Protein backbone atom coordinates (compact mmCIF):
# COMPACT_ATOMS: atom_id res chain seq x y z
CA THR A 1 -40.38 -25.59 40.02
CA PRO A 2 -39.71 -21.85 39.75
CA GLY A 3 -37.97 -20.23 42.50
CA ALA A 4 -36.68 -23.49 43.66
CA PRO A 5 -32.47 -23.52 43.62
CA THR A 6 -32.80 -26.88 45.27
CA ALA A 7 -34.22 -28.72 41.96
CA THR A 8 -31.36 -26.61 40.00
CA ALA A 9 -28.70 -28.50 42.45
CA GLU A 10 -30.31 -31.75 41.64
CA ILE A 11 -30.34 -31.25 37.95
CA VAL A 12 -26.75 -29.56 37.42
CA GLN A 13 -25.31 -32.36 39.80
CA ALA A 14 -26.61 -35.14 37.58
CA ALA A 15 -25.42 -33.45 34.41
CA LEU A 16 -21.86 -33.01 35.93
CA THR A 17 -21.75 -36.80 36.87
CA TRP A 18 -23.46 -38.42 34.02
CA GLN A 19 -23.26 -36.25 31.06
CA PHE A 20 -19.31 -35.75 31.07
CA GLY A 21 -16.32 -38.29 31.48
CA THR A 22 -12.82 -38.83 30.54
CA GLY A 23 -13.56 -41.57 27.65
CA PRO A 24 -14.06 -40.95 24.14
CA GLY A 25 -17.88 -39.97 24.53
CA GLY A 26 -17.26 -37.65 27.45
CA LEU A 27 -19.00 -34.96 26.23
CA PRO A 28 -23.09 -34.97 25.63
CA GLY A 29 -22.58 -33.35 22.14
CA ASN A 30 -20.60 -31.42 19.83
CA ASP A 31 -18.04 -29.14 21.66
CA ASP A 32 -18.42 -26.36 18.98
CA SER A 33 -16.34 -23.31 20.09
CA GLY A 34 -15.77 -25.07 23.61
CA GLY A 35 -19.51 -24.07 24.93
CA LEU A 36 -20.05 -27.54 26.42
CA SER A 37 -16.41 -27.35 28.03
CA ALA A 38 -16.84 -23.80 29.61
CA TRP A 39 -20.24 -24.88 30.81
CA TYR A 40 -18.74 -27.77 32.68
CA VAL A 41 -16.27 -25.46 34.28
CA TRP A 42 -18.75 -22.67 35.24
CA ALA A 43 -20.91 -25.27 36.67
CA SER A 44 -18.09 -26.81 38.55
CA LEU A 45 -17.33 -23.56 40.08
CA GLY A 46 -21.00 -23.10 41.06
CA LEU A 47 -21.58 -20.17 38.89
CA PHE A 48 -23.39 -19.76 35.54
CA PRO A 49 -23.12 -16.90 33.50
CA VAL A 50 -26.61 -15.85 31.85
CA ALA A 51 -26.21 -15.09 28.31
CA GLY A 52 -27.42 -11.25 27.37
CA GLN A 53 -27.44 -10.32 31.42
CA ASN A 54 -24.52 -9.26 33.33
CA LEU A 55 -25.49 -12.02 36.00
CA PHE A 56 -23.97 -15.16 37.44
CA LEU A 57 -26.72 -17.42 38.98
CA ILE A 58 -25.17 -19.32 42.17
CA ASN A 59 -25.29 -23.04 42.71
CA ALA A 60 -23.62 -25.68 44.68
CA PRO A 61 -19.68 -26.08 43.51
CA ALA A 62 -18.19 -29.31 42.60
CA PHE A 63 -15.03 -28.57 44.42
CA GLU A 64 -13.93 -27.12 48.16
CA ARG A 65 -12.29 -24.27 46.11
CA GLY A 66 -11.83 -22.85 42.86
CA ALA A 67 -10.72 -19.57 41.73
CA ILE A 68 -10.48 -17.48 38.39
CA ARG A 69 -8.44 -14.57 37.57
CA VAL A 70 -9.99 -11.29 36.24
CA GLY A 71 -7.39 -9.02 35.14
CA GLU A 72 -5.34 -8.55 37.97
CA ARG A 73 -8.00 -9.57 40.85
CA GLU A 74 -8.63 -13.13 41.50
CA PHE A 75 -12.63 -14.21 42.37
CA VAL A 76 -12.43 -17.28 44.80
CA VAL A 77 -15.30 -19.86 45.25
CA GLU A 78 -14.81 -21.89 48.52
CA THR A 79 -17.15 -24.18 50.27
CA SER A 80 -17.65 -25.51 53.96
CA GLY A 81 -19.59 -28.78 54.20
CA HIS A 82 -18.42 -30.23 50.76
CA ARG A 83 -18.29 -33.90 50.09
CA ASP A 84 -16.37 -35.39 47.48
CA THR A 85 -18.44 -38.82 46.79
CA PRO A 86 -17.05 -40.13 43.48
CA ILE A 87 -19.47 -42.77 41.68
CA GLY A 88 -18.58 -46.08 42.72
CA ALA A 89 -17.27 -45.06 46.15
CA ASP A 90 -19.89 -47.10 48.07
CA GLY A 91 -19.33 -50.01 45.55
CA LEU A 92 -22.67 -49.04 43.69
CA ASP A 93 -22.74 -47.19 40.36
CA HIS A 94 -25.40 -44.60 41.24
CA ASP A 95 -25.77 -40.92 41.64
CA PRO A 96 -23.95 -39.51 44.58
CA ALA A 97 -25.90 -37.63 46.69
CA PRO A 98 -26.42 -33.83 45.79
CA GLN A 99 -25.48 -31.19 47.88
CA TYR A 100 -27.21 -28.34 48.49
CA VAL A 101 -26.58 -24.47 49.08
CA GLN A 102 -27.37 -23.74 52.81
CA SER A 103 -26.07 -20.33 52.69
CA VAL A 104 -23.85 -17.73 50.76
CA THR A 105 -21.25 -14.78 51.79
CA LEU A 106 -19.61 -12.48 49.42
CA ASP A 107 -16.59 -11.18 51.18
CA GLY A 108 -18.14 -12.01 54.68
CA ARG A 109 -21.52 -10.34 53.56
CA PRO A 110 -24.65 -12.74 53.97
CA LEU A 111 -25.97 -13.09 50.33
CA GLU A 112 -29.69 -13.96 50.24
CA ALA A 113 -29.96 -13.61 46.10
CA THR A 114 -29.10 -16.59 43.96
CA HIS A 115 -27.22 -14.48 41.92
CA LEU A 116 -24.29 -12.01 41.33
CA SER A 117 -23.74 -9.17 39.11
CA SER A 118 -20.51 -9.70 36.67
CA ALA A 119 -19.12 -6.61 38.38
CA ASP A 120 -19.10 -8.46 41.67
CA VAL A 121 -16.92 -11.22 39.84
CA HIS A 122 -14.85 -8.58 38.11
CA ARG A 123 -14.12 -6.77 41.59
CA GLY A 124 -12.44 -10.13 42.81
CA GLY A 125 -13.21 -11.19 46.21
CA VAL A 126 -14.50 -14.49 48.16
CA LEU A 127 -17.26 -16.22 47.60
CA HIS A 128 -18.04 -18.67 50.35
CA VAL A 129 -20.88 -21.29 49.89
CA ARG A 130 -21.94 -23.56 52.68
CA LEU A 131 -23.22 -26.74 51.47
CA GLY A 132 -25.27 -29.61 53.44
CA PRO A 133 -27.09 -32.90 52.44
CA GLN A 134 -30.58 -31.40 52.72
CA PRO A 135 -32.64 -28.80 50.66
CA SER A 136 -32.65 -25.42 52.36
CA ASP A 137 -34.63 -22.43 52.20
CA TRP A 138 -31.79 -20.29 50.82
CA GLY A 139 -32.41 -18.44 47.69
CA HIS A 140 -36.31 -18.50 47.75
CA LYS A 141 -36.77 -15.16 48.74
CA VAL A 142 -34.82 -13.28 46.14
CA ARG A 143 -35.09 -14.16 42.63
CA PRO A 144 -32.84 -12.98 39.98
CA PRO A 145 -33.88 -10.45 37.37
CA SER A 146 -35.64 -11.45 34.39
CA SER A 147 -34.79 -10.22 30.92
CA SER A 148 -38.61 -10.79 29.96
CA ASP A 149 -39.79 -8.73 32.69
CA PRO A 150 -39.37 -4.72 31.50
CA ARG A 151 -38.86 -3.78 35.08
CA ASP A 152 -35.56 -5.40 35.17
CA THR A 153 -34.33 -4.16 32.03
């Protein structure tokens, strides 16, 4: 569904859960130049770098806290409401329930957009993502710019 960050949360969570593992078949394909591994790391941080654009899309992180060092600065992704529910925790081998973004702040300021600029990440700071068990309306109002729309280039 276009403009539906909740659908993204479900798809990314399923891919992280079922497409990657620690065994011999732990990657869903050939990890040429580390592309699949890089996707896993970014997705686990709740970020997705958009190729050809200076954008990072925001999604539900897989951890309570993660950080990347950009030069001398640190960009931290932290969550509240995070649940760590590994496969089999309930005795069944099925998908853990997805977690949905409820709200986001960047350095304490509310963020309604589902994206950050690369400059936001390079400045360093704290992205706080509040998660919950139910879909929310966060991100439905402000869509990321599209490289196919001449007004956004």
